[in-house]
Amino acid sequence: MSQIDSAQMAAVYERLGELLAIAARRFQWRILPGFEVGFDLKGQAAGQMQIRQGKVRLRFNAVLMRDNREHFLRVTVAHELAHAVAYWVYGKKIQPHGEEWQSIMALFGLEPRRCHDYDVTHAQVRRLQRFTYRCGCREHDLTSIRHRRIQEGERTYVCKHCREKLEWVVES
């Protein structure tokens, strides 16, 4: 079962409300920012904060929530909301787990840890196709996500060692 029941969903919304109240007091918000919540995240990630066209969406992994309920509600929900609060307060040009995010986690009374240590045995893991790219010094295997970003002109990637732009090795 990867879906969460209504009681689990209600617990997430209740926790979000508690944390938003803390942020609202600290930042003197009269109107709370709007955002969406989804329980559709797969794989080993417990949560994710997305910004699309200026709108915030928090995504949670229902399997990891089910298997780690108490810790997930206390820490993971706060972790993802802290990303959103940092974005709303400090803007988009901050590091994902930088000092702004860390200060929000401290505001929530939590240690600012980047990663969880949940057992991911039951999590559905995505297997991404890999594409070979080359620079001046070596070959690189890029995931289909990075490959698509390059092909659509959204991003370019450079080698950390020789600083050359990565070029796709087209297999014939």
N, C-alpha and C. Protein backbone atom coordinates (compact mmCIF):
# COMPACT_ATOMS: atom_id res chain seq x y z
N MET A 1 0.85 -1.19 0.00
CA MET A 1 0.00 0.00 0.00
C MET A 1 0.89 1.25 0.00
N SER A 2 0.75 2.07 -1.03
CA SER A 2 1.58 3.27 -1.07
C SER A 2 0.78 4.53 -0.75
N GLN A 3 -0.52 4.41 -0.74
CA GLN A 3 -1.35 5.57 -0.41
C GLN A 3 -1.46 5.71 1.10
N ILE A 4 -1.66 6.95 1.53
CA ILE A 4 -1.87 7.17 2.96
C ILE A 4 -3.36 7.33 3.22
N ASP A 5 -3.77 7.02 4.42
CA ASP A 5 -5.19 7.14 4.73
C ASP A 5 -5.50 8.57 5.17
N SER A 6 -6.77 8.85 5.37
CA SER A 6 -7.20 10.21 5.69
C SER A 6 -6.66 10.68 7.04
N ALA A 7 -6.48 9.77 7.99
CA ALA A 7 -5.92 10.16 9.30
C ALA A 7 -4.47 10.60 9.16
N GLN A 8 -3.70 9.89 8.34
CA GLN A 8 -2.30 10.26 8.11
C GLN A 8 -2.21 11.61 7.39
N MET A 9 -3.07 11.79 6.40
CA MET A 9 -3.09 13.05 5.66
C MET A 9 -3.47 14.20 6.59
N ALA A 10 -4.44 13.98 7.44
CA ALA A 10 -4.86 15.00 8.40
C ALA A 10 -3.72 15.35 9.36
N ALA A 11 -2.94 14.34 9.75
CA ALA A 11 -1.81 14.58 10.65
C ALA A 11 -0.75 15.45 9.98
N VAL A 12 -0.52 15.26 8.69
CA VAL A 12 0.44 16.10 7.96
C VAL A 12 -0.06 17.53 7.93
N TYR A 13 -1.33 17.73 7.58
CA TYR A 13 -1.89 19.08 7.53
C TYR A 13 -1.89 19.75 8.91
N GLU A 14 -2.15 18.97 9.95
CA GLU A 14 -2.11 19.53 11.31
C GLU A 14 -0.69 19.99 11.66
N ARG A 15 0.30 19.16 11.32
CA ARG A 15 1.69 19.53 11.59
C ARG A 15 2.10 20.76 10.79
N LEU A 16 1.69 20.82 9.53
CA LEU A 16 1.98 22.00 8.71
C LEU A 16 1.37 23.25 9.34
N GLY A 17 0.15 23.11 9.86
CA GLY A 17 -0.51 24.25 10.51
C GLY A 17 0.24 24.73 11.73
N GLU A 18 0.73 23.78 12.55
CA GLU A 18 1.50 24.14 13.75
C GLU A 18 2.76 24.92 13.36
N LEU A 19 3.46 24.41 12.35
CA LEU A 19 4.72 25.03 11.92
C LEU A 19 4.48 26.38 11.25
N LEU A 20 3.42 26.48 10.48
CA LEU A 20 3.09 27.77 9.85
C LEU A 20 2.75 28.82 10.89
N ALA A 21 2.11 28.41 11.97
CA ALA A 21 1.80 29.35 13.05
C ALA A 21 3.09 29.90 13.67
N ILE A 22 4.08 29.05 13.84
CA ILE A 22 5.38 29.49 14.37
C ILE A 22 6.02 30.49 13.42
N ALA A 23 6.02 30.16 12.12
CA ALA A 23 6.62 31.06 11.12
C ALA A 23 5.84 32.38 11.04
N ALA A 24 4.52 32.29 11.11
CA ALA A 24 3.69 33.50 11.02
C ALA A 24 3.98 34.46 12.18
N ARG A 25 4.16 33.91 13.38
CA ARG A 25 4.50 34.76 14.53
C ARG A 25 5.88 35.39 14.35
N ARG A 26 6.84 34.59 13.94
CA ARG A 26 8.22 35.08 13.80
C ARG A 26 8.35 36.14 12.71
N PHE A 27 7.67 35.94 11.57
CA PHE A 27 7.82 36.85 10.44
C PHE A 27 6.65 37.83 10.31
N GLN A 28 5.77 37.81 11.30
CA GLN A 28 4.64 38.73 11.38
C GLN A 28 3.79 38.71 10.10
N TRP A 29 3.46 37.50 9.67
CA TRP A 29 2.59 37.35 8.50
C TRP A 29 1.16 37.54 8.93
N ARG A 30 0.44 38.33 8.21
CA ARG A 30 -0.99 38.48 8.47
C ARG A 30 -1.79 37.53 7.58
N ILE A 31 -1.22 37.27 6.40
CA ILE A 31 -1.83 36.32 5.47
C ILE A 31 -0.81 35.23 5.23
N LEU A 32 -1.22 33.99 5.40
CA LEU A 32 -0.29 32.88 5.19
C LEU A 32 -0.13 32.63 3.70
N PRO A 33 1.09 32.33 3.27
CA PRO A 33 1.32 32.01 1.86
C PRO A 33 0.59 30.73 1.48
N GLY A 34 0.13 30.67 0.25
CA GLY A 34 -0.54 29.46 -0.22
C GLY A 34 0.46 28.48 -0.82
N PHE A 35 0.13 27.21 -0.73
CA PHE A 35 0.97 26.17 -1.32
C PHE A 35 0.14 24.90 -1.47
N GLU A 36 0.65 23.99 -2.28
CA GLU A 36 -0.01 22.70 -2.49
C GLU A 36 0.75 21.61 -1.75
N VAL A 37 0.06 20.53 -1.45
CA VAL A 37 0.68 19.37 -0.80
C VAL A 37 0.30 18.14 -1.60
N GLY A 38 1.30 17.31 -1.89
CA GLY A 38 1.05 16.05 -2.59
C GLY A 38 1.72 14.90 -1.87
N PHE A 39 1.21 13.71 -2.07
CA PHE A 39 1.76 12.51 -1.45
C PHE A 39 2.16 11.52 -2.54
N ASP A 40 2.77 12.06 -3.59
CA ASP A 40 3.07 11.29 -4.78
C ASP A 40 4.56 11.04 -5.02
N LEU A 41 5.40 11.39 -4.07
CA LEU A 41 6.84 11.24 -4.26
C LEU A 41 7.22 9.77 -4.15
N LYS A 42 8.06 9.32 -5.05
CA LYS A 42 8.49 7.91 -5.07
C LYS A 42 9.98 7.84 -4.82
N GLY A 43 10.48 6.65 -4.63
CA GLY A 43 11.91 6.43 -4.49
C GLY A 43 12.39 6.61 -3.07
N GLN A 44 13.64 7.03 -2.93
CA GLN A 44 14.27 7.10 -1.62
C GLN A 44 14.14 8.46 -0.96
N ALA A 45 13.68 9.46 -1.69
CA ALA A 45 13.48 10.79 -1.11
C ALA A 45 12.24 10.78 -0.23
N ALA A 46 12.34 11.36 0.96
CA ALA A 46 11.20 11.41 1.87
C ALA A 46 10.28 12.58 1.54
N GLY A 47 10.87 13.68 1.08
CA GLY A 47 10.08 14.87 0.77
C GLY A 47 10.80 15.74 -0.24
N GLN A 48 10.05 16.69 -0.76
CA GLN A 48 10.61 17.59 -1.77
C GLN A 48 9.79 18.87 -1.79
N MET A 49 10.47 19.99 -1.93
CA MET A 49 9.78 21.27 -2.13
C MET A 49 10.06 21.73 -3.54
N GLN A 50 9.01 22.00 -4.29
CA GLN A 50 9.14 22.46 -5.67
C GLN A 50 8.59 23.87 -5.79
N ILE A 51 9.22 24.63 -6.67
CA ILE A 51 8.69 25.95 -7.03
C ILE A 51 8.48 25.94 -8.53
N ARG A 52 7.25 26.10 -8.95
CA ARG A 52 6.91 26.16 -10.36
C ARG A 52 6.10 27.43 -10.59
N GLN A 53 6.65 28.30 -11.41
CA GLN A 53 6.00 29.57 -11.72
C GLN A 53 5.62 30.34 -10.45
N GLY A 54 6.55 30.32 -9.49
CA GLY A 54 6.36 31.05 -8.24
C GLY A 54 5.44 30.39 -7.24
N LYS A 55 4.91 29.22 -7.55
CA LYS A 55 4.00 28.51 -6.64
C LYS A 55 4.75 27.36 -5.97
N VAL A 56 4.56 27.24 -4.67
CA VAL A 56 5.23 26.21 -3.88
C VAL A 56 4.37 24.96 -3.80
N ARG A 57 5.04 23.82 -3.97
CA ARG A 57 4.38 22.52 -3.80
C ARG A 57 5.28 21.65 -2.95
N LEU A 58 4.73 21.12 -1.86
CA LEU A 58 5.43 20.17 -1.00
C LEU A 58 4.98 18.77 -1.39
N ARG A 59 5.96 17.91 -1.65
CA ARG A 59 5.66 16.52 -2.03
C ARG A 59 6.24 15.60 -0.96
N PHE A 60 5.46 14.60 -0.61
CA PHE A 60 5.89 13.64 0.41
C PHE A 60 5.78 12.23 -0.11
N ASN A 61 6.66 11.36 0.40
CA ASN A 61 6.69 9.96 0.04
C ASN A 61 5.77 9.20 1.00
N ALA A 62 4.65 8.72 0.48
CA ALA A 62 3.65 8.06 1.31
C ALA A 62 4.17 6.78 1.94
N VAL A 63 5.03 6.04 1.22
CA VAL A 63 5.57 4.79 1.76
C VAL A 63 6.46 5.07 2.96
N LEU A 64 7.38 6.04 2.81
CA LEU A 64 8.27 6.36 3.92
C LEU A 64 7.52 6.99 5.08
N MET A 65 6.45 7.72 4.78
CA MET A 65 5.65 8.29 5.87
C MET A 65 4.97 7.16 6.65
N ARG A 66 4.39 6.22 5.92
CA ARG A 66 3.71 5.10 6.58
C ARG A 66 4.66 4.31 7.47
N ASP A 67 5.89 4.10 6.99
CA ASP A 67 6.85 3.27 7.71
C ASP A 67 7.58 4.01 8.84
N ASN A 68 7.51 5.35 8.85
CA ASN A 68 8.26 6.16 9.83
C ASN A 68 7.39 7.29 10.37
N ARG A 69 6.15 7.00 10.68
CA ARG A 69 5.12 8.01 10.93
C ARG A 69 5.53 9.14 11.88
N GLU A 70 5.94 8.82 13.09
CA GLU A 70 6.20 9.86 14.09
C GLU A 70 7.36 10.77 13.70
N HIS A 71 8.47 10.16 13.32
CA HIS A 71 9.64 10.95 12.92
C HIS A 71 9.33 11.75 11.66
N PHE A 72 8.64 11.13 10.73
CA PHE A 72 8.28 11.78 9.47
C PHE A 72 7.47 13.05 9.74
N LEU A 73 6.46 12.92 10.58
CA LEU A 73 5.62 14.08 10.91
C LEU A 73 6.41 15.17 11.62
N ARG A 74 7.24 14.77 12.56
CA ARG A 74 7.99 15.75 13.34
C ARG A 74 9.09 16.41 12.53
N VAL A 75 9.86 15.62 11.77
CA VAL A 75 11.07 16.15 11.12
C VAL A 75 10.91 16.38 9.62
N THR A 76 10.48 15.38 8.88
CA THR A 76 10.44 15.50 7.41
C THR A 76 9.47 16.58 6.97
N VAL A 77 8.30 16.62 7.56
CA VAL A 77 7.32 17.66 7.20
C VAL A 77 7.90 19.04 7.49
N ALA A 78 8.56 19.18 8.64
CA ALA A 78 9.19 20.46 8.99
C ALA A 78 10.33 20.80 8.03
N HIS A 79 11.11 19.81 7.66
CA HIS A 79 12.24 20.00 6.75
C HIS A 79 11.75 20.62 5.43
N GLU A 80 10.71 20.04 4.87
CA GLU A 80 10.21 20.54 3.58
C GLU A 80 9.53 21.90 3.72
N LEU A 81 8.77 22.08 4.79
CA LEU A 81 8.15 23.40 4.99
C LEU A 81 9.21 24.46 5.24
N ALA A 82 10.32 24.10 5.89
CA ALA A 82 11.41 25.06 6.12
C ALA A 82 11.97 25.56 4.79
N HIS A 83 12.02 24.70 3.78
CA HIS A 83 12.45 25.14 2.45
C HIS A 83 11.49 26.21 1.92
N ALA A 84 10.20 25.95 2.07
CA ALA A 84 9.21 26.91 1.58
C ALA A 84 9.28 28.23 2.33
N VAL A 85 9.38 28.17 3.64
CA VAL A 85 9.47 29.39 4.45
C VAL A 85 10.72 30.18 4.08
N ALA A 86 11.85 29.50 3.91
CA ALA A 86 13.09 30.17 3.52
C ALA A 86 12.91 30.86 2.17
N TYR A 87 12.24 30.22 1.25
CA TYR A 87 11.96 30.81 -0.06
C TYR A 87 11.07 32.05 0.08
N TRP A 88 10.01 31.93 0.88
CA TRP A 88 9.09 33.06 1.05
C TRP A 88 9.77 34.25 1.73
N VAL A 89 10.65 33.98 2.69
CA VAL A 89 11.27 35.04 3.46
C VAL A 89 12.50 35.62 2.77
N TYR A 90 13.35 34.75 2.22
CA TYR A 90 14.66 35.20 1.71
C TYR A 90 14.78 35.21 0.19
N GLY A 91 13.79 34.66 -0.51
CA GLY A 91 13.85 34.65 -1.97
C GLY A 91 14.45 33.38 -2.52
N LYS A 92 14.57 33.36 -3.85
CA LYS A 92 14.99 32.12 -4.51
C LYS A 92 16.50 31.96 -4.65
N LYS A 93 17.28 32.97 -4.37
CA LYS A 93 18.71 32.88 -4.58
C LYS A 93 19.46 32.48 -3.31
N ILE A 94 18.97 31.45 -2.66
CA ILE A 94 19.61 30.92 -1.45
C ILE A 94 19.97 29.46 -1.69
N GLN A 95 20.91 28.98 -0.90
CA GLN A 95 21.31 27.57 -0.99
C GLN A 95 20.21 26.71 -0.36
N PRO A 96 19.91 25.56 -0.96
CA PRO A 96 18.82 24.71 -0.44
C PRO A 96 18.94 24.38 1.04
N HIS A 97 20.13 24.08 1.51
CA HIS A 97 20.32 23.76 2.93
C HIS A 97 21.28 24.74 3.57
N GLY A 98 21.22 25.98 3.11
CA GLY A 98 22.10 27.04 3.60
C GLY A 98 21.63 27.62 4.92
N GLU A 99 22.28 28.72 5.30
CA GLU A 99 22.02 29.30 6.63
C GLU A 99 20.57 29.76 6.80
N GLU A 100 19.91 30.20 5.73
CA GLU A 100 18.51 30.64 5.84
C GLU A 100 17.61 29.46 6.20
N TRP A 101 17.78 28.34 5.47
CA TRP A 101 17.00 27.14 5.76
C TRP A 101 17.32 26.63 7.16
N GLN A 102 18.61 26.64 7.51
CA GLN A 102 19.02 26.18 8.84
C GLN A 102 18.38 27.02 9.95
N SER A 103 18.26 28.33 9.70
CA SER A 103 17.64 29.19 10.72
C SER A 103 16.15 28.87 10.88
N ILE A 104 15.49 28.48 9.81
CA ILE A 104 14.07 28.11 9.89
C ILE A 104 13.93 26.79 10.66
N MET A 105 14.83 25.85 10.40
CA MET A 105 14.79 24.58 11.14
C MET A 105 15.00 24.85 12.63
N ALA A 106 15.92 25.75 12.96
CA ALA A 106 16.14 26.11 14.37
C ALA A 106 14.89 26.76 14.95
N LEU A 107 14.24 27.61 14.18
CA LEU A 107 12.99 28.23 14.60
C LEU A 107 11.95 27.16 14.94
N PHE A 108 11.94 26.09 14.15
CA PHE A 108 11.01 24.98 14.38
C PHE A 108 11.48 24.06 15.51
N GLY A 109 12.66 24.36 16.09
CA GLY A 109 13.19 23.56 17.19
C GLY A 109 13.81 22.25 16.77
N LEU A 110 14.32 22.19 15.54
CA LEU A 110 14.87 20.95 15.01
C LEU A 110 16.30 21.14 14.52
N GLU A 111 17.04 20.04 14.56
CA GLU A 111 18.40 20.04 14.03
C GLU A 111 18.33 20.12 12.50
N PRO A 112 19.12 20.98 11.89
CA PRO A 112 19.06 21.12 10.43
C PRO A 112 19.85 20.03 9.70
N ARG A 113 19.26 18.84 9.60
CA ARG A 113 19.90 17.72 8.91
C ARG A 113 19.40 17.65 7.49
N ARG A 114 20.32 17.40 6.57
CA ARG A 114 19.99 17.32 5.15
C ARG A 114 19.24 16.05 4.78
N CYS A 115 19.68 14.93 5.30
CA CYS A 115 19.19 13.64 4.81
C CYS A 115 18.56 12.82 5.94
N HIS A 116 17.65 11.97 5.55
CA HIS A 116 17.04 11.05 6.51
C HIS A 116 17.82 9.75 6.54
N ASP A 117 17.52 8.92 7.50
CA ASP A 117 18.14 7.59 7.56
C ASP A 117 17.06 6.52 7.66
N TYR A 118 15.95 6.74 6.95
CA TYR A 118 14.85 5.77 6.95
C TYR A 118 15.26 4.52 6.19
N ASP A 119 14.68 3.41 6.59
CA ASP A 119 14.83 2.16 5.84
C ASP A 119 14.00 2.32 4.57
N VAL A 120 14.63 2.20 3.43
CA VAL A 120 13.93 2.43 2.16
C VAL A 120 13.62 1.11 1.43
N THR A 121 13.63 0.01 2.17
CA THR A 121 13.38 -1.31 1.59
C THR A 121 12.06 -1.36 0.82
N HIS A 122 11.02 -0.74 1.37
CA HIS A 122 9.70 -0.81 0.74
C HIS A 122 9.45 0.31 -0.27
N ALA A 123 10.39 1.24 -0.38
CA ALA A 123 10.20 2.39 -1.28
C ALA A 123 10.37 1.95 -2.73
N GLN A 124 9.56 2.53 -3.59
CA GLN A 124 9.67 2.26 -5.01
C GLN A 124 10.81 3.11 -5.56
N VAL A 125 11.80 2.46 -6.12
CA VAL A 125 12.97 3.17 -6.63
C VAL A 125 12.85 3.31 -8.14
N ARG A 126 13.01 4.56 -8.60
CA ARG A 126 13.00 4.81 -10.04
C ARG A 126 14.35 4.45 -10.61
N ARG A 127 14.37 3.77 -11.71
CA ARG A 127 15.60 3.48 -12.43
C ARG A 127 15.63 4.39 -13.65
N LEU A 128 16.54 5.34 -13.63
CA LEU A 128 16.62 6.31 -14.71
C LEU A 128 17.59 5.84 -15.78
N GLN A 129 17.22 6.09 -17.02
CA GLN A 129 18.10 5.79 -18.14
C GLN A 129 19.32 6.71 -18.06
N ARG A 130 20.46 6.22 -18.48
CA ARG A 130 21.70 6.98 -18.43
C ARG A 130 22.18 7.30 -19.84
N PHE A 131 22.83 8.46 -19.97
CA PHE A 131 23.37 8.91 -21.25
C PHE A 131 24.84 9.26 -21.05
N THR A 132 25.66 8.90 -22.02
CA THR A 132 27.09 9.14 -21.93
C THR A 132 27.42 10.52 -22.50
N TYR A 133 28.14 11.31 -21.71
CA TYR A 133 28.63 12.63 -22.11
C TYR A 133 30.14 12.62 -21.95
N ARG A 134 30.82 13.49 -22.69
CA ARG A 134 32.28 13.56 -22.65
C ARG A 134 32.73 15.00 -22.50
N CYS A 135 33.85 15.17 -21.80
CA CYS A 135 34.51 16.46 -21.69
C CYS A 135 35.95 16.26 -22.17
N GLY A 136 36.85 17.14 -21.81
CA GLY A 136 38.24 17.02 -22.23
C GLY A 136 39.03 15.96 -21.50
N CYS A 137 38.54 15.48 -20.35
CA CYS A 137 39.34 14.55 -19.55
C CYS A 137 38.69 13.20 -19.26
N ARG A 138 37.41 13.03 -19.50
CA ARG A 138 36.76 11.77 -19.14
C ARG A 138 35.35 11.67 -19.70
N GLU A 139 34.70 10.52 -19.43
CA GLU A 139 33.29 10.34 -19.77
C GLU A 139 32.46 10.47 -18.51
N HIS A 140 31.22 10.92 -18.69
CA HIS A 140 30.29 11.11 -17.59
C HIS A 140 28.98 10.42 -17.94
N ASP A 141 28.38 9.73 -16.98
CA ASP A 141 27.04 9.15 -17.15
C ASP A 141 26.04 10.10 -16.54
N LEU A 142 25.19 10.67 -17.36
CA LEU A 142 24.16 11.59 -16.87
C LEU A 142 22.80 10.90 -16.91
N THR A 143 21.96 11.22 -15.94
CA THR A 143 20.62 10.65 -15.91
C THR A 143 19.77 11.25 -17.02
N SER A 144 18.65 10.60 -17.29
CA SER A 144 17.73 11.09 -18.31
C SER A 144 17.19 12.47 -17.96
N ILE A 145 17.14 12.80 -16.68
CA ILE A 145 16.66 14.13 -16.26
C ILE A 145 17.64 15.20 -16.72
N ARG A 146 18.93 15.01 -16.43
CA ARG A 146 19.93 15.99 -16.86
C ARG A 146 20.05 16.01 -18.38
N HIS A 147 19.96 14.84 -19.01
CA HIS A 147 20.03 14.77 -20.47
C HIS A 147 18.90 15.60 -21.09
N ARG A 148 17.69 15.43 -20.56
CA ARG A 148 16.55 16.20 -21.09
C ARG A 148 16.77 17.70 -20.91
N ARG A 149 17.27 18.10 -19.75
CA ARG A 149 17.52 19.53 -19.50
C ARG A 149 18.52 20.10 -20.49
N ILE A 150 19.54 19.33 -20.82
CA ILE A 150 20.52 19.79 -21.81
C ILE A 150 19.89 19.88 -23.18
N GLN A 151 19.16 18.83 -23.57
CA GLN A 151 18.56 18.79 -24.90
C GLN A 151 17.52 19.88 -25.11
N GLU A 152 16.82 20.26 -24.06
CA GLU A 152 15.80 21.31 -24.16
C GLU A 152 16.38 22.70 -23.94
N GLY A 153 17.70 22.78 -23.72
CA GLY A 153 18.36 24.07 -23.57
C GLY A 153 18.17 24.74 -22.22
N GLU A 154 17.67 23.99 -21.24
CA GLU A 154 17.46 24.55 -19.90
C GLU A 154 18.76 24.73 -19.15
N ARG A 155 19.72 23.81 -19.35
CA ARG A 155 20.95 23.80 -18.56
C ARG A 155 22.12 23.38 -19.43
N THR A 156 23.29 23.75 -18.99
CA THR A 156 24.53 23.17 -19.49
C THR A 156 25.29 22.68 -18.28
N TYR A 157 26.08 21.65 -18.48
CA TYR A 157 26.88 21.11 -17.40
C TYR A 157 28.34 21.12 -17.81
N VAL A 158 29.22 21.38 -16.83
CA VAL A 158 30.65 21.38 -17.09
C VAL A 158 31.32 20.40 -16.14
N CYS A 159 32.46 19.87 -16.56
CA CYS A 159 33.23 18.94 -15.76
C CYS A 159 33.84 19.68 -14.57
N LYS A 160 33.77 19.09 -13.40
CA LYS A 160 34.35 19.70 -12.20
C LYS A 160 35.87 19.72 -12.25
N HIS A 161 36.46 18.86 -13.08
CA HIS A 161 37.92 18.75 -13.12
C HIS A 161 38.54 19.66 -14.18
N CYS A 162 38.07 19.54 -15.44
CA CYS A 162 38.71 20.32 -16.51
C CYS A 162 37.91 21.56 -16.91
N ARG A 163 36.71 21.69 -16.36
CA ARG A 163 35.84 22.85 -16.59
C ARG A 163 35.32 22.97 -18.03
N GLU A 164 35.44 21.89 -18.81
CA GLU A 164 34.90 21.92 -20.17
C GLU A 164 33.43 21.53 -20.15
N LYS A 165 32.71 22.06 -21.12
CA LYS A 165 31.30 21.75 -21.28
C LYS A 165 31.15 20.27 -21.66
N LEU A 166 30.15 19.61 -21.06
CA LEU A 166 29.89 18.21 -21.37
C LEU A 166 29.13 18.12 -22.70
N GLU A 167 29.60 17.20 -23.54
CA GLU A 167 28.97 16.99 -24.86
C GLU A 167 28.47 15.56 -24.92
N TRP A 168 27.28 15.39 -25.48
CA TRP A 168 26.64 14.09 -25.58
C TRP A 168 27.38 13.22 -26.58
N VAL A 169 27.67 11.99 -26.18
CA VAL A 169 28.26 11.00 -27.09
C VAL A 169 27.10 10.26 -27.73
N VAL A 170 26.75 10.66 -28.95
CA VAL A 170 25.60 10.05 -29.64
C VAL A 170 26.00 8.66 -30.10
N GLU A 171 25.25 7.68 -29.60
CA GLU A 171 25.54 6.29 -29.96
C GLU A 171 24.82 5.96 -31.24
N SER A 172 25.57 5.41 -32.20
CA SER A 172 24.94 5.09 -33.50
C SER A 172 24.72 3.63 -33.67
